[in-house]
Structure formats: C-alpha cells, structure tokens
Protein backbone atom coordinates (compact mmCIF):
# COMPACT_ATOMS: atom_id res chain seq x y z
CA MET A 1 25.50 169.12 91.02
CA ARG A 2 26.79 170.28 94.42
CA ILE A 3 26.26 173.66 95.22
CA ALA A 4 28.44 175.22 98.44
CA THR A 5 28.01 178.28 100.36
CA PHE A 6 31.36 179.51 102.44
CA ASN A 7 31.94 183.48 104.16
CA ILE A 8 35.76 183.39 103.13
CA ASN A 9 36.59 186.26 105.69
CA GLY A 10 39.24 187.50 103.53
CA VAL A 11 39.77 185.73 100.33
CA LYS A 12 43.73 187.27 100.67
CA ALA A 13 44.44 185.90 104.03
CA ARG A 14 42.39 182.57 103.47
CA LEU A 15 43.78 181.62 99.97
CA PRO A 16 45.67 178.24 100.94
CA ARG A 17 42.54 177.26 102.73
CA LEU A 18 40.14 177.95 100.15
CA LEU A 19 41.99 176.30 97.08
CA GLU A 20 42.58 173.18 99.22
CA TRP A 21 39.22 173.31 99.98
CA ILE A 22 37.98 173.60 96.37
CA GLU A 23 40.71 170.91 95.50
CA THR A 24 39.34 168.72 98.10
CA PHE A 25 35.53 169.02 98.25
CA SER A 26 35.11 170.21 94.00
CA PRO A 27 31.93 171.91 94.57
CA ASP A 28 29.96 172.50 91.03
CA VAL A 29 29.35 175.94 92.50
CA ALA A 30 30.65 177.83 95.21
CA CYS A 31 29.31 181.14 96.25
CA LEU A 32 32.01 182.91 98.21
CA GLN A 33 31.21 186.09 100.72
CA GLU A 34 33.16 188.87 102.69
CA ILE A 35 35.88 188.05 99.91
CA LYS A 36 37.05 191.72 100.74
CA SER A 37 38.70 192.60 97.58
CA ILE A 38 38.34 194.62 94.86
CA ASP A 39 37.54 192.38 91.39
CA GLU A 40 40.55 193.34 90.18
CA ASN A 41 42.80 191.41 93.01
CA PHE A 42 40.29 188.69 93.19
CA PRO A 43 42.94 185.73 92.69
CA ARG A 44 40.85 184.71 89.64
CA LEU A 45 44.20 183.08 87.71
CA GLU A 46 44.64 180.50 90.74
CA ILE A 47 41.12 179.32 90.84
CA GLU A 48 40.45 179.27 87.26
CA ALA A 49 43.73 177.06 87.15
CA LEU A 50 41.86 174.57 89.04
CA GLY A 51 39.03 174.19 86.36
CA TYR A 52 36.76 177.23 87.68
CA ASN A 53 35.06 179.67 86.07
CA VAL A 54 34.74 182.84 88.32
CA GLU A 55 32.43 186.00 88.58
CA THR A 56 32.82 188.46 91.52
CA HIS A 57 30.93 191.71 92.86
CA GLY A 58 34.02 193.08 94.98
CA GLN A 59 34.70 195.84 97.53
CA LYS A 60 38.12 197.64 99.06
CA GLY A 61 38.26 195.41 101.76
CA PHE A 62 34.74 195.16 103.00
CA ASN A 63 31.98 193.02 101.99
CA GLY A 64 32.56 191.60 98.44
CA VAL A 65 30.60 188.06 97.18
CA ALA A 66 31.68 185.97 94.57
CA LEU A 67 30.22 182.94 91.94
CA ILE A 68 33.31 180.26 91.09
CA SER A 69 31.61 177.31 89.08
CA LYS A 70 33.19 174.26 86.87
CA HIS A 71 30.11 174.96 84.20
CA ALA A 72 30.01 178.06 82.46
CA ILE A 73 27.72 181.10 84.55
CA SER A 74 25.48 183.39 82.58
CA ASP A 75 22.81 186.24 83.13
CA VAL A 76 25.12 187.34 86.12
CA LYS A 77 23.95 189.93 87.87
CA ARG A 78 25.34 191.87 90.81
CA GLY A 79 23.85 194.27 93.15
CA LEU A 80 20.70 193.74 94.85
CA PRO A 81 17.90 196.02 93.52
CA GLY A 82 15.92 198.44 95.22
CA ASP A 83 18.36 200.93 96.42
CA ASP A 84 20.05 202.49 93.41
CA SER A 85 22.20 204.28 96.42
CA ASP A 86 23.77 200.74 98.30
CA GLU A 87 27.24 200.88 97.46
CA GLN A 88 27.90 197.54 99.11
CA ALA A 89 29.16 194.92 97.86
CA ARG A 90 26.54 192.26 99.24
CA TYR A 91 24.97 190.29 96.48
CA ILE A 92 25.11 188.38 93.07
CA GLU A 93 23.32 185.79 91.04
CA GLY A 94 23.98 183.70 87.75
CA THR A 95 22.50 180.94 85.64
CA VAL A 96 24.60 177.35 85.98
CA ASN A 97 22.95 174.49 84.24
CA GLY A 98 19.63 175.79 84.41
CA VAL A 99 19.95 176.59 88.28
CA ARG A 100 19.83 180.44 89.63
CA ILE A 101 21.87 180.89 92.30
CA ALA A 102 22.48 183.73 94.50
CA SER A 103 25.49 184.55 97.10
CA ILE A 104 24.30 186.64 99.86
CA TYR A 105 26.22 188.74 102.03
CA LEU A 106 23.20 190.12 104.09
CA PRO A 107 24.37 193.04 106.71
CA ASN A 108 25.13 192.17 110.34
CA GLY A 109 22.72 195.03 111.85
CA ASN A 110 25.09 195.59 114.56
CA PRO A 111 24.91 198.00 117.29
CA GLN A 112 21.16 197.77 117.38
CA PRO A 113 19.36 199.53 117.09
CA GLY A 114 20.75 202.28 114.75
CA PRO A 115 21.14 202.86 111.49
CA LYS A 116 23.00 199.82 110.87
CA PHE A 117 20.26 197.56 112.30
CA ASP A 118 17.96 199.85 110.13
CA TYR A 119 20.03 199.21 107.14
CA LYS A 120 19.78 195.34 107.81
CA LEU A 121 16.26 195.18 107.78
CA ALA A 122 15.86 197.40 104.87
CA TRP A 123 18.01 195.22 103.31
CA MET A 124 15.98 191.85 104.04
CA ASP A 125 13.08 193.70 102.77
CA ARG A 126 14.69 194.15 99.17
CA LEU A 127 15.62 190.11 99.30
CA ILE A 128 12.23 189.42 100.08
CA ALA A 129 10.88 191.59 97.16
CA HIS A 130 13.51 190.24 94.69
CA ALA A 131 13.19 186.83 95.61
CA ARG A 132 9.42 187.03 95.37
CA ASP A 133 10.45 188.14 91.54
CA LEU A 134 12.78 185.61 90.93
CA LEU A 135 10.43 182.65 92.42
CA ALA A 136 7.63 183.96 89.67
CA THR A 137 10.04 182.55 86.80
CA GLU A 138 9.64 179.22 88.04
CA MET A 139 13.10 178.28 87.74
CA PRO A 140 15.14 176.33 90.35
CA LEU A 141 16.48 178.96 92.49
CA VAL A 142 18.95 178.78 95.32
CA LEU A 143 19.77 181.92 97.33
CA ALA A 144 23.02 181.07 99.29
CA GLY A 145 25.07 182.68 101.76
CA ASP A 146 25.87 184.46 105.29
CA TYR A 147 22.34 185.45 106.52
CA ASN A 148 23.74 187.16 109.17
CA VAL A 149 20.81 185.58 110.96
CA ILE A 150 20.45 183.21 113.71
CA PRO A 151 16.98 181.27 113.20
CA GLU A 152 15.95 180.04 115.82
CA ASP A 153 18.04 179.34 119.60
CA ILE A 154 18.58 175.75 118.60
CA ASP A 155 19.84 177.35 115.87
CA CYS A 156 22.91 178.84 118.65
CA HIS A 157 25.15 177.41 121.52
CA ASN A 158 24.01 180.09 124.22
CA PRO A 159 20.90 182.01 123.02
CA ALA A 160 21.07 184.30 126.21
CA ALA A 161 24.69 186.00 125.46
CA TRP A 162 22.89 186.59 121.58
CA ALA A 163 19.71 188.06 123.30
CA ASP A 164 20.89 191.77 122.38
CA ASP A 165 22.09 191.01 119.19
CA ALA A 166 21.02 192.23 115.62
CA LEU A 167 21.22 188.39 114.69
CA THR A 168 18.74 187.45 117.29
CA GLN A 169 15.85 190.23 116.87
CA PRO A 170 12.59 189.39 116.54
CA GLU A 171 12.45 191.85 112.78
CA SER A 172 15.50 190.20 111.90
CA ARG A 173 14.04 186.82 112.39
CA GLN A 174 10.76 187.85 111.44
CA ARG A 175 12.14 188.79 108.17
CA LEU A 176 13.72 185.93 107.27
CA ARG A 177 10.60 183.83 107.88
CA THR A 178 8.90 186.02 105.49
CA LEU A 179 11.87 185.43 102.84
CA ILE A 180 11.12 181.39 103.09
CA ASN A 181 7.12 181.37 103.49
CA LEU A 182 7.08 182.97 99.56
CA GLY A 183 8.13 179.37 99.24
CA LEU A 184 11.59 178.76 100.07
CA THR A 185 13.16 175.46 101.98
CA ASP A 186 16.06 175.74 104.68
CA ALA A 187 17.67 172.89 102.55
CA LEU A 188 19.90 171.95 106.09
CA ARG A 189 16.65 171.62 108.21
CA GLN A 190 14.87 169.76 105.08
CA ILE A 191 17.83 167.08 105.79
CA LYS A 192 18.56 167.96 109.64
CA PRO A 193 15.58 169.32 111.30
CA SER A 194 16.41 169.20 114.92
CA GLY A 195 19.54 169.62 116.91
CA PRO A 196 22.65 172.36 116.61
CA ALA A 197 24.58 172.33 113.28
CA TYR A 198 26.77 175.15 113.51
CA THR A 199 28.31 177.30 110.75
CA PHE A 200 30.38 179.89 112.52
CA TRP A 201 32.61 180.01 115.85
CA ASP A 202 33.84 183.16 116.96
CA TYR A 203 37.89 183.57 117.51
CA GLN A 204 38.09 184.01 120.79
CA ALA A 205 37.26 182.30 124.24
CA GLY A 206 37.87 179.05 122.35
CA ALA A 207 34.52 179.04 120.52
CA TRP A 208 35.95 176.21 117.71
CA GLN A 209 37.35 174.28 120.61
CA LYS A 210 34.23 174.00 122.66
CA ASP A 211 31.69 174.22 119.71
CA HIS A 212 30.45 177.67 120.83
CA GLY A 213 28.58 177.73 117.46
CA ILE A 214 25.65 179.70 115.51
CA ARG A 215 24.26 178.63 112.49
CA ILE A 216 23.83 181.72 110.13
CA ASP A 217 25.09 180.75 106.76
CA HIS A 218 21.70 178.86 105.23
CA LEU A 219 20.32 177.72 101.60
CA LEU A 220 17.22 178.28 100.85
CA LEU A 221 15.48 176.51 98.26
CA SER A 222 12.87 177.23 95.21
CA ALA A 223 10.23 173.80 95.37
CA GLU A 224 11.55 173.18 91.81
CA ALA A 225 15.25 173.27 93.35
CA ALA A 226 13.93 171.27 96.81
CA ASP A 227 12.06 168.72 94.39
CA ARG A 228 15.91 167.75 93.43
CA LEU A 229 17.63 168.03 97.29
CA GLU A 230 19.28 165.06 98.00
CA ASP A 231 21.41 166.16 100.78
CA CYS A 232 22.71 169.20 102.63
CA ALA A 233 25.60 169.14 105.64
CA VAL A 234 28.17 171.28 107.13
CA ASP A 235 31.57 170.81 106.47
CA ARG A 236 33.13 171.59 109.19
CA GLY A 237 36.57 170.77 108.72
CA PRO A 238 37.81 174.03 107.17
CA ARG A 239 37.20 175.41 110.72
CA GLY A 240 39.09 173.23 112.40
CA LEU A 241 42.39 173.98 109.60
CA GLU A 242 45.28 176.78 110.78
CA THR A 243 44.16 180.09 109.74
CA PRO A 244 40.86 179.51 108.83
CA SER A 245 37.98 181.76 108.27
CA ASP A 246 35.36 182.01 111.23
CA HIS A 247 33.32 180.31 108.88
CA THR A 248 33.05 177.09 107.37
CA PRO A 249 31.27 175.61 104.47
CA VAL A 250 27.64 174.52 104.12
CA TRP A 251 26.90 172.24 100.85
CA ILE A 252 23.71 171.27 99.19
CA LYS A 253 23.59 168.16 96.40
CA LEU A 254 20.78 168.25 93.90
CA ARG A 255 19.66 165.72 91.72
CA ASP A 256 20.35 166.27 87.63
C-alpha cells in the first residue's frame, strides 16, 4: 500500500501535473494539500476517471485538503476538532483498508510574533490532542501533510536564512516533537536517518536549480503503521517539470 502526501499549490493551476503524477506513480492513497478550491470546483471527474475515489474539504482561494484513493474511503471527518469557530479548511481524515489516514495543511504562522503565529501554535495543540485520541484506538494511523515545520537545521539548506521564520521557531519545533513523542514515527527519518531530504523549494532565486530546499512535508506513523513500513522517499521528479508546485510528493510503502 503506497500512501503519498503532496501539497499541490492550487489544483486548478497544477491539474496537468497532478494527473501526470497520479498516472505515473499510481499511489494507492494520495493526501493533497492547498487545493485552493471549493468542493464543487475540485476536478473530481478527471481524477475519478483514473480509477480513484475522492473526498475533499475545500475553501475558496485558500487552503483546502483532499484524500484520493484507489480503494473505498470510509468514516470521513472534515476539520480538526477542538475549535468550532475555525473556518479554515486544513484537515480531513478517513479510513482506507483498515488504515486511518489524515491529510494535514498546518498553518504557516508568519509573520511571527503575531496572531497568525498564535493560530499556528493553537492549531498544533489541537492536533496533538486529536492525535492522542486517534492513537488510543490502536488502529494503524498515518498523519500526512504539509506541517510547515522544519524539524531540525539539517532539514534546511541555510538555517540562518530561516532563523526568524515561524517554521523554525522553538515553539513550532517543540510542538512537533511533542506530537511525535506521543508514539509516532517520522517515516522518512526511519528510512533515511541523516542528511538533507528536501520537499519544498521556493520559486524565487533559483532555489530548485541550486537545491536550496527545506523539509516540511512529513508522514508520521503510529506504531501499528510503522511496524508495516517498508520504504519512504521524496519523489523529486514533479518539482522539475513545467509549472510545478513548489512542493514535491513524499511517499511511504506499507506491507499488507
């Protein structure tokens, strides 16, 4: 079972690239972020034509997450619990073949300090609380998405350039560690314990060509899922194509 996470950075603008990737890579499940589309405008028919089921949690012009799967998606929940006033579409989860899978688009938090950073931290606190509840079910769990957190300096080409960014602040990193310390495994670091493995390159200043990237797209696995982990890698191919997303997919393979 191959599960991928991909911040598509606007599904309308990237649809040719997304369809190419789906056909080429053929994931069992893909967790998409930043679709920037309301549910009614998501290109459901084009993706269903490739043999996929589609579940979305969209928002006009901003945010938005989706799950697409070759297999049935059951018990779909939209929105992160804990704040009924939160209208941002950043979280969707469902069950595929006995695995609980979430697509997460965690807030960026810039500029910091300020209300956007406060929202990021509060959102992360809610994610920690919800993950604790999900882990208590002992169902295999995959929390996949764009976390907008650079875990360590090795996950960033130039740490000094990001020192004041919300993605590297001690409060952001501490909450990511707290989440992982609930009993989750960073799948990529399980397979590739050291060295850079970037998932995002800015469109500016030739960042892609120079490989000046950061790692902010993560797949976190419960013990039940981590026991089935066979492989995990960054698929750099889509980032090098014409009109790409500034992110590229990361994928895991789980044993049946």
